[in-house]
Amino acid sequence: MTEIRDHESAVSIRPLSSHLLPSAELVELNRDFEDWTPAQILKWAHNRFGNQLAVTSSFGDAVLAHLAWTTVPGIEVFLLDTGYLFAETLWYAEHAASLFNGNLRIVKQELPPDNLWLDNTDACCHARKVLPLERLLADRQAWVTGLRRDDSEGRSTAPIIQNDIARNVVKVNPIAKWTEADIDMYTIEHCLPVNPLAGRGFTSIGCWPCTRAPKPGSDSRSGRWAGTDKTECGLHFD
């Protein structure tokens, strides 16, 4: 496991590059990928983008990280440490990496603790998650995420592959079509460890000030920013 620190330096806006995919190719790939396994999609992404591919995981579970490490041995999986992650999540990420000999890189930042989350969660997420991600992707061509359609209603139509034009990268969501049952089955089949917070009813795990266990019958992300209208941190957007 490697730890790097993320500084507050500004990210310059880059001109659009040729690695972004034409609309016709995106349509064709999304049609084909509906029948591919996540491992096949990850292998395609690595063949296409090589070391210009970044994989990020929030380590609510270890599925995406395990898929990446076993499909592309040696590939780095990044965890963005906001400074407010649960201690259980940090332990869990390192534990999973040690179990599977995974290449984990924790991106830490120099922002000191503050109280911004109390009255402006959007600004807090932007400073501690969105900007660090954009710095990470500044010299990459593609980004692999664990976004799934059954996470919430707002993600229900997420494509498997798309151009993230604002960040000038191709965004790949290899487990987009998987359900919670698929995640559970993969976890069991591969004997993956489980985040300790899952045993306490947390179905989507972010930062400790803004994450609660959801109410029964609610979607898996309803415990994030509970009591507010906020549903996304800004990493994923249309």
C-alpha atoms as a PDB file:
ATOM      1  CA  MET A   1       0.000   0.000   0.000  1.00  0.00           C
ATOM      2  CA  THR A   2       1.309   3.423  -0.993  1.00  0.00           C
ATOM      3  CA  GLU A   3       0.136   6.676   0.501  1.00  0.00           C
ATOM      4  CA  ILE A   4       0.370   9.957  -1.356  1.00  0.00           C
ATOM      5  CA  ARG A   5      -0.633  13.380  -0.226  1.00  0.00           C
ATOM      6  CA  ASP A   6      -2.827  15.617  -2.313  1.00  0.00           C
ATOM      7  CA  HIS A   7      -2.104  19.339  -2.202  1.00  0.00           C
ATOM      8  CA  GLU A   8      -4.382  22.267  -2.947  1.00  0.00           C
ATOM      9  CA  SER A   9      -2.649  23.276  -6.150  1.00  0.00           C
ATOM     10  CA  ALA A  10      -5.018  24.347  -8.893  1.00  0.00           C
ATOM     11  CA  VAL A  11      -5.707  22.104 -11.858  1.00  0.00           C
ATOM     12  CA  SER A  12      -5.290  23.743 -15.229  1.00  0.00           C
ATOM     13  CA  ILE A  13      -8.006  23.107 -17.768  1.00  0.00           C
ATOM     14  CA  ARG A  14      -6.754  20.904 -20.560  1.00  0.00           C
ATOM     15  CA  PRO A  15      -7.946  21.038 -24.149  1.00  0.00           C
ATOM     16  CA  LEU A  16     -10.128  18.139 -25.227  1.00  0.00           C
ATOM     17  CA  SER A  17      -7.999  15.240 -26.412  1.00  0.00           C
ATOM     18  CA  SER A  18      -8.383  12.584 -29.059  1.00  0.00           C
ATOM     19  CA  HIS A  19      -8.690   9.800 -26.488  1.00  0.00           C
ATOM     20  CA  LEU A  20     -12.311  10.842 -25.809  1.00  0.00           C
ATOM     21  CA  LEU A  21     -14.546   8.503 -27.776  1.00  0.00           C
ATOM     22  CA  PRO A  22     -16.813   9.456 -30.689  1.00  0.00           C
ATOM     23  CA  SER A  23     -20.532   9.218 -29.968  1.00  0.00           C
ATOM     24  CA  ALA A  24     -21.009   6.395 -32.461  1.00  0.00           C
ATOM     25  CA  GLU A  25     -18.318   4.299 -30.763  1.00  0.00           C
ATOM     26  CA  LEU A  26     -19.824   4.952 -27.332  1.00  0.00           C
ATOM     27  CA  VAL A  27     -23.205   3.725 -28.547  1.00  0.00           C
ATOM     28  CA  GLU A  28     -21.655   0.579 -30.000  1.00  0.00           C
ATOM     29  CA  LEU A  29     -19.543  -0.110 -26.918  1.00  0.00           C
ATOM     30  CA  ASN A  30     -22.443   0.389 -24.525  1.00  0.00           C
ATOM     31  CA  ARG A  31     -24.532  -2.023 -26.579  1.00  0.00           C
ATOM     32  CA  ASP A  32     -21.769  -4.645 -26.556  1.00  0.00           C
ATOM     33  CA  PHE A  33     -20.813  -4.141 -22.905  1.00  0.00           C
ATOM     34  CA  GLU A  34     -24.325  -5.002 -21.726  1.00  0.00           C
ATOM     35  CA  ASP A  35     -23.409  -8.631 -22.545  1.00  0.00           C
ATOM     36  CA  TRP A  36     -19.840  -8.508 -21.225  1.00  0.00           C
ATOM     37  CA  THR A  37     -18.685  -9.361 -17.725  1.00  0.00           C
ATOM     38  CA  PRO A  38     -17.095  -6.648 -15.565  1.00  0.00           C
ATOM     39  CA  ALA A  39     -13.744  -8.448 -15.916  1.00  0.00           C
ATOM     40  CA  GLN A  40     -14.002  -8.348 -19.706  1.00  0.00           C
ATOM     41  CA  ILE A  41     -14.834  -4.635 -19.586  1.00  0.00           C
ATOM     42  CA  LEU A  42     -11.895  -3.939 -17.280  1.00  0.00           C
ATOM     43  CA  LYS A  43      -9.560  -5.899 -19.547  1.00  0.00           C
ATOM     44  CA  TRP A  44     -10.800  -3.908 -22.560  1.00  0.00           C
ATOM     45  CA  ALA A  45     -10.228  -0.638 -20.674  1.00  0.00           C
ATOM     46  CA  HIS A  46      -6.697  -1.621 -19.715  1.00  0.00           C
ATOM     47  CA  ASN A  47      -5.886  -2.755 -23.266  1.00  0.00           C
ATOM     48  CA  ARG A  48      -7.215   0.550 -24.591  1.00  0.00           C
ATOM     49  CA  PHE A  49      -5.707   2.975 -22.065  1.00  0.00           C
ATOM     50  CA  GLY A  50      -2.863   1.107 -20.351  1.00  0.00           C
ATOM     51  CA  ASN A  51      -1.237   3.018 -17.503  1.00  0.00           C
ATOM     52  CA  GLN A  52      -3.418   6.017 -18.324  1.00  0.00           C
ATOM     53  CA  LEU A  53      -6.276   4.203 -16.578  1.00  0.00           C
ATOM     54  CA  ALA A  54      -7.211   5.200 -12.998  1.00  0.00           C
ATOM     55  CA  VAL A  55      -9.394   2.992 -10.790  1.00  0.00           C
ATOM     56  CA  THR A  56     -11.063   4.544  -7.742  1.00  0.00           C
ATOM     57  CA  SER A  57     -12.991   2.805  -4.981  1.00  0.00           C
ATOM     58  CA  SER A  58     -14.686   4.129  -1.855  1.00  0.00           C
ATOM     59  CA  PHE A  59     -14.265   0.671  -0.258  1.00  0.00           C
ATOM     60  CA  GLY A  60     -17.826   0.366   0.904  1.00  0.00           C
ATOM     61  CA  ASP A  61     -17.110  -3.124  -0.399  1.00  0.00           C
ATOM     62  CA  ALA A  62     -14.071  -4.735  -2.011  1.00  0.00           C
ATOM     63  CA  VAL A  63     -15.707  -5.924  -5.236  1.00  0.00           C
ATOM     64  CA  LEU A  64     -14.364  -3.366  -7.721  1.00  0.00           C
ATOM     65  CA  ALA A  65     -10.889  -3.434  -6.174  1.00  0.00           C
ATOM     66  CA  HIS A  66     -10.775  -7.236  -6.289  1.00  0.00           C
ATOM     67  CA  LEU A  67     -11.990  -7.251  -9.889  1.00  0.00           C
ATOM     68  CA  ALA A  68      -9.280  -4.764 -10.849  1.00  0.00           C
ATOM     69  CA  TRP A  69      -6.463  -6.511  -8.975  1.00  0.00           C
ATOM     70  CA  THR A  70      -7.330  -9.953 -10.358  1.00  0.00           C
ATOM     71  CA  THR A  71      -8.064  -8.835 -13.911  1.00  0.00           C
ATOM     72  CA  VAL A  72      -5.062  -6.517 -14.263  1.00  0.00           C
ATOM     73  CA  PRO A  73      -2.417  -7.670 -11.752  1.00  0.00           C
ATOM     74  CA  GLY A  74      -0.421  -4.756 -10.373  1.00  0.00           C
ATOM     75  CA  ILE A  75      -2.960  -2.081 -11.256  1.00  0.00           C
ATOM     76  CA  GLU A  76      -3.334   0.725  -8.710  1.00  0.00           C
ATOM     77  CA  VAL A  77      -6.655   1.240  -6.983  1.00  0.00           C
ATOM     78  CA  PHE A  78      -7.063   4.698  -5.474  1.00  0.00           C
ATOM     79  CA  LEU A  79      -8.962   5.621  -2.328  1.00  0.00           C
ATOM     80  CA  LEU A  80      -9.632   9.340  -1.870  1.00  0.00           C
ATOM     81  CA  ASP A  81      -9.192  10.074   1.825  1.00  0.00           C
ATOM     82  CA  THR A  82     -11.252  13.171   2.605  1.00  0.00           C
ATOM     83  CA  GLY A  83      -9.883  13.405   6.127  1.00  0.00           C
ATOM     84  CA  TYR A  84     -13.317  12.371   7.388  1.00  0.00           C
ATOM     85  CA  LEU A  85     -13.444   8.730   6.325  1.00  0.00           C
ATOM     86  CA  PHE A  86     -14.504   6.211   8.944  1.00  0.00           C
ATOM     87  CA  ALA A  87     -11.531   4.549  10.600  1.00  0.00           C
ATOM     88  CA  GLU A  88     -13.166   1.239   9.650  1.00  0.00           C
ATOM     89  CA  THR A  89     -13.020   2.137   5.956  1.00  0.00           C
ATOM     90  CA  LEU A  90      -9.315   2.975   6.034  1.00  0.00           C
ATOM     91  CA  TRP A  91      -8.566  -0.252   7.920  1.00  0.00           C
ATOM     92  CA  TYR A  92     -10.772  -2.221   5.529  1.00  0.00           C
ATOM     93  CA  ALA A  93      -9.061  -0.895   2.391  1.00  0.00           C
ATOM     94  CA  GLU A  94      -5.621  -1.784   3.708  1.00  0.00           C
ATOM     95  CA  HIS A  95      -6.868  -5.170   4.920  1.00  0.00           C
ATOM     96  CA  ALA A  96      -8.327  -6.024   1.490  1.00  0.00           C
ATOM     97  CA  ALA A  97      -5.118  -4.955  -0.249  1.00  0.00           C
ATOM     98  CA  SER A  98      -3.041  -7.137   2.058  1.00  0.00           C
ATOM     99  CA  LEU A  99      -5.296 -10.160   1.538  1.00  0.00           C
ATOM    100  CA  PHE A 100      -5.137  -9.998  -2.247  1.00  0.00           C
ATOM    101  CA  ASN A 101      -1.681  -8.502  -2.706  1.00  0.00           C
ATOM    102  CA  GLY A 102      -3.390  -5.465  -4.188  1.00  0.00           C
ATOM    103  CA  ASN A 103      -1.755  -2.223  -5.184  1.00  0.00           C
ATOM    104  CA  LEU A 104      -3.606   0.341  -3.057  1.00  0.00           C
ATOM    105  CA  ARG A 105      -2.848   4.036  -3.114  1.00  0.00           C
ATOM    106  CA  ILE A 106      -4.516   6.259  -0.524  1.00  0.00           C
ATOM    107  CA  VAL A 107      -4.709   9.854  -1.696  1.00  0.00           C
ATOM    108  CA  LYS A 108      -4.466  12.047   1.390  1.00  0.00           C
ATOM    109  CA  GLN A 109      -4.740  15.803   1.406  1.00  0.00           C
ATOM    110  CA  GLU A 110      -3.335  18.581   3.533  1.00  0.00           C
ATOM    111  CA  LEU A 111      -6.639  20.298   4.327  1.00  0.00           C
ATOM    112  CA  PRO A 112      -6.958  20.611   8.102  1.00  0.00           C
ATOM    113  CA  PRO A 113     -10.204  19.537   9.800  1.00  0.00           C
ATOM    114  CA  ASP A 114     -12.886  22.214   9.667  1.00  0.00           C
ATOM    115  CA  ASN A 115     -16.603  22.607  10.241  1.00  0.00           C
ATOM    116  CA  LEU A 116     -17.625  23.207   6.628  1.00  0.00           C
ATOM    117  CA  TRP A 117     -19.663  19.991   6.602  1.00  0.00           C
ATOM    118  CA  LEU A 118     -21.989  21.484   9.211  1.00  0.00           C
ATOM    119  CA  ASP A 119     -23.494  24.145   6.971  1.00  0.00           C
ATOM    120  CA  ASN A 120     -22.199  23.616   3.404  1.00  0.00           C
ATOM    121  CA  THR A 121     -21.841  19.980   2.451  1.00  0.00           C
ATOM    122  CA  ASP A 122     -21.556  20.840  -1.246  1.00  0.00           C
ATOM    123  CA  ALA A 123     -18.478  22.971  -0.621  1.00  0.00           C
ATOM    124  CA  CYS A 124     -17.023  20.344   1.697  1.00  0.00           C
ATOM    125  CA  CYS A 125     -17.452  17.573  -0.896  1.00  0.00           C
ATOM    126  CA  HIS A 126     -16.016  19.808  -3.598  1.00  0.00           C
ATOM    127  CA  ALA A 127     -12.886  20.614  -1.612  1.00  0.00           C
ATOM    128  CA  ARG A 128     -12.269  17.159  -0.169  1.00  0.00           C
ATOM    129  CA  LYS A 129     -13.479  14.820  -2.940  1.00  0.00           C
ATOM    130  CA  VAL A 130     -14.068  16.547  -6.276  1.00  0.00           C
ATOM    131  CA  LEU A 131     -10.872  18.615  -6.480  1.00  0.00           C
ATOM    132  CA  PRO A 132      -8.637  15.720  -5.340  1.00  0.00           C
ATOM    133  CA  LEU A 133     -10.241  13.494  -7.981  1.00  0.00           C
ATOM    134  CA  GLU A 134      -9.643  16.080 -10.677  1.00  0.00           C
ATOM    135  CA  ARG A 135      -6.017  16.397  -9.666  1.00  0.00           C
ATOM    136  CA  LEU A 136      -5.696  12.621  -9.808  1.00  0.00           C
ATOM    137  CA  LEU A 137      -7.245  12.482 -13.282  1.00  0.00           C
ATOM    138  CA  ALA A 138      -5.316  15.453 -14.659  1.00  0.00           C
ATOM    139  CA  ASP A 139      -2.746  13.204 -16.364  1.00  0.00           C
ATOM    140  CA  ARG A 140      -5.016  10.215 -17.045  1.00  0.00           C
ATOM    141  CA  GLN A 141      -7.131   9.294 -20.037  1.00  0.00           C
ATOM    142  CA  ALA A 142      -9.730   7.019 -18.431  1.00  0.00           C
ATOM    143  CA  TRP A 143     -11.363   6.502 -15.052  1.00  0.00           C
ATOM    144  CA  VAL A 144     -12.922   3.286 -13.700  1.00  0.00           C
ATOM    145  CA  THR A 145     -15.622   3.662 -11.042  1.00  0.00           C
ATOM    146  CA  GLY A 146     -17.896   1.413  -9.000  1.00  0.00           C
ATOM    147  CA  LEU A 147     -21.089   3.294  -9.903  1.00  0.00           C
ATOM    148  CA  ARG A 148     -24.147   1.008 -10.168  1.00  0.00           C
ATOM    149  CA  ARG A 149     -27.611   1.625 -11.566  1.00  0.00           C
ATOM    150  CA  ASP A 150     -29.339   0.207  -8.520  1.00  0.00           C
ATOM    151  CA  ASP A 151     -27.527   2.607  -6.174  1.00  0.00           C
ATOM    152  CA  SER A 152     -30.333   5.133  -6.509  1.00  0.00           C
ATOM    153  CA  GLU A 153     -33.004   6.409  -8.871  1.00  0.00           C
ATOM    154  CA  GLY A 154     -30.655   9.122 -10.105  1.00  0.00           C
ATOM    155  CA  ARG A 155     -28.154   6.476 -11.273  1.00  0.00           C
ATOM    156  CA  SER A 156     -30.691   4.100 -12.801  1.00  0.00           C
ATOM    157  CA  THR A 157     -29.794   4.960 -16.411  1.00  0.00           C
ATOM    158  CA  ALA A 158     -26.015   5.177 -15.977  1.00  0.00           C
ATOM    159  CA  PRO A 159     -24.137   3.951 -19.071  1.00  0.00           C
ATOM    160  CA  ILE A 160     -21.280   1.491 -18.786  1.00  0.00           C
ATOM    161  CA  ILE A 161     -18.971   3.811 -20.690  1.00  0.00           C
ATOM    162  CA  GLN A 162     -19.173   7.536 -21.364  1.00  0.00           C
ATOM    163  CA  ASN A 163     -17.106  10.625 -21.965  1.00  0.00           C
ATOM    164  CA  ASP A 164     -16.613  12.727 -18.833  1.00  0.00           C
ATOM    165  CA  ILE A 165     -16.070  15.867 -20.867  1.00  0.00           C
ATOM    166  CA  ALA A 166     -15.606  18.170 -17.877  1.00  0.00           C
ATOM    167  CA  ARG A 167     -12.638  16.093 -16.710  1.00  0.00           C
ATOM    168  CA  ASN A 168     -11.468  15.127 -20.187  1.00  0.00           C
ATOM    169  CA  VAL A 169     -11.462  11.398 -19.458  1.00  0.00           C
ATOM    170  CA  VAL A 170     -13.370   8.341 -20.594  1.00  0.00           C
ATOM    171  CA  LYS A 171     -15.414   7.063 -17.662  1.00  0.00           C
ATOM    172  CA  VAL A 172     -15.928   3.311 -17.342  1.00  0.00           C
ATOM    173  CA  ASN A 173     -18.502   1.815 -14.965  1.00  0.00           C
ATOM    174  CA  PRO A 174     -17.875  -1.945 -15.329  1.00  0.00           C
ATOM    175  CA  ILE A 175     -20.355  -3.033 -12.634  1.00  0.00           C
ATOM    176  CA  ALA A 176     -23.077  -0.547 -13.616  1.00  0.00           C
ATOM    177  CA  LYS A 177     -25.595  -3.282 -14.410  1.00  0.00           C
ATOM    178  CA  TRP A 178     -24.895  -5.341 -11.279  1.00  0.00           C
ATOM    179  CA  THR A 179     -27.463  -5.437  -8.491  1.00  0.00           C
ATOM    180  CA  GLU A 180     -26.862  -5.658  -4.773  1.00  0.00           C
ATOM    181  CA  ALA A 181     -27.513  -9.389  -5.091  1.00  0.00           C
ATOM    182  CA  ASP A 182     -24.717  -9.640  -7.673  1.00  0.00           C
ATOM    183  CA  ILE A 183     -22.366  -7.812  -5.308  1.00  0.00           C
ATOM    184  CA  ASP A 184     -23.281 -10.180  -2.467  1.00  0.00           C
ATOM    185  CA  MET A 185     -22.815 -13.242  -4.669  1.00  0.00           C
ATOM    186  CA  TYR A 186     -19.402 -12.091  -5.888  1.00  0.00           C
ATOM    187  CA  THR A 187     -18.357 -11.345  -2.312  1.00  0.00           C
ATOM    188  CA  ILE A 188     -19.333 -14.837  -1.203  1.00  0.00           C
ATOM    189  CA  GLU A 189     -17.844 -16.627  -4.216  1.00  0.00           C
ATOM    190  CA  HIS A 190     -14.478 -14.927  -3.788  1.00  0.00           C
ATOM    191  CA  CYS A 191     -14.427 -14.883   0.028  1.00  0.00           C
ATOM    192  CA  LEU A 192     -14.032 -11.118   0.135  1.00  0.00           C
ATOM    193  CA  PRO A 193     -13.921  -9.360   3.494  1.00  0.00           C
ATOM    194  CA  VAL A 194     -16.838  -7.120   4.377  1.00  0.00           C
ATOM    195  CA  ASN A 195     -16.591  -3.536   5.587  1.00  0.00           C
ATOM    196  CA  PRO A 196     -17.298  -3.655   9.349  1.00  0.00           C
ATOM    197  CA  LEU A 197     -19.844  -0.865   8.963  1.00  0.00           C
ATOM    198  CA  ALA A 198     -22.009  -3.065   6.733  1.00  0.00           C
ATOM    199  CA  GLY A 199     -22.767  -5.191   9.779  1.00  0.00           C
ATOM    200  CA  ARG A 200     -24.177  -2.093  11.447  1.00  0.00           C
ATOM    201  CA  GLY A 201     -26.647  -1.432   8.639  1.00  0.00           C
ATOM    202  CA  PHE A 202     -24.618   0.964   6.496  1.00  0.00           C
ATOM    203  CA  THR A 203     -25.340   0.212   2.831  1.00  0.00           C
ATOM    204  CA  SER A 204     -23.445   3.159   1.319  1.00  0.00           C
ATOM    205  CA  ILE A 205     -20.437   4.439   3.207  1.00  0.00           C
ATOM    206  CA  GLY A 206     -18.976   7.901   2.848  1.00  0.00           C
ATOM    207  CA  CYS A 207     -17.651  10.335   5.461  1.00  0.00           C
ATOM    208  CA  TRP A 208     -18.586   9.921   9.118  1.00  0.00           C
ATOM    209  CA  PRO A 209     -20.224  13.363   9.598  1.00  0.00           C
ATOM    210  CA  CYS A 210     -22.724  12.820   6.760  1.00  0.00           C
ATOM    211  CA  THR A 211     -23.414   9.072   6.627  1.00  0.00           C
ATOM    212  CA  ARG A 212     -26.150   7.225   8.480  1.00  0.00           C
ATOM    213  CA  ALA A 213     -27.636   3.758   8.150  1.00  0.00           C
ATOM    214  CA  PRO A 214     -30.655   4.077   5.813  1.00  0.00           C
ATOM    215  CA  LYS A 215     -34.198   3.402   6.919  1.00  0.00           C
ATOM    216  CA  PRO A 216     -35.663  -0.005   6.002  1.00  0.00           C
ATOM    217  CA  GLY A 217     -37.025  -0.041   2.451  1.00  0.00           C
ATOM    218  CA  SER A 218     -34.990   2.980   1.363  1.00  0.00           C
ATOM    219  CA  ASP A 219     -32.467   2.878  -1.470  1.00  0.00           C
ATOM    220  CA  SER A 220     -28.910   2.056  -0.537  1.00  0.00           C
ATOM    221  CA  ARG A 221     -27.683   5.651  -0.752  1.00  0.00           C
ATOM    222  CA  SER A 222     -30.463   7.242   1.309  1.00  0.00           C
ATOM    223  CA  GLY A 223     -28.218   7.310   4.362  1.00  0.00           C
ATOM    224  CA  ARG A 224     -25.821   9.691   2.655  1.00  0.00           C
ATOM    225  CA  TRP A 225     -26.440  13.314   3.702  1.00  0.00           C
ATOM    226  CA  ALA A 226     -29.500  12.047   5.564  1.00  0.00           C
ATOM    227  CA  GLY A 227     -32.139  14.680   6.205  1.00  0.00           C
ATOM    228  CA  THR A 228     -31.139  16.786   3.200  1.00  0.00           C
ATOM    229  CA  ASP A 229     -31.977  16.820  -0.510  1.00  0.00           C
ATOM    230  CA  LYS A 230     -28.352  16.094  -1.416  1.00  0.00           C
ATOM    231  CA  THR A 231     -27.820  12.747  -3.156  1.00  0.00           C
ATOM    232  CA  GLU A 232     -24.415  13.080  -4.839  1.00  0.00           C
ATOM    233  CA  CYS A 233     -21.028  14.396  -3.764  1.00  0.00           C
ATOM    234  CA  GLY A 234     -20.106  15.683  -7.233  1.00  0.00           C
ATOM    235  CA  LEU A 235     -17.817  12.867  -8.399  1.00  0.00           C
ATOM    236  CA  HIS A 236     -20.605  11.571 -10.638  1.00  0.00           C
ATOM    237  CA  PHE A 237     -22.794  13.910 -12.614  1.00  0.00           C
ATOM    238  CA  ASP A 238     -24.536  14.150 -15.974  1.00  0.00           C
END
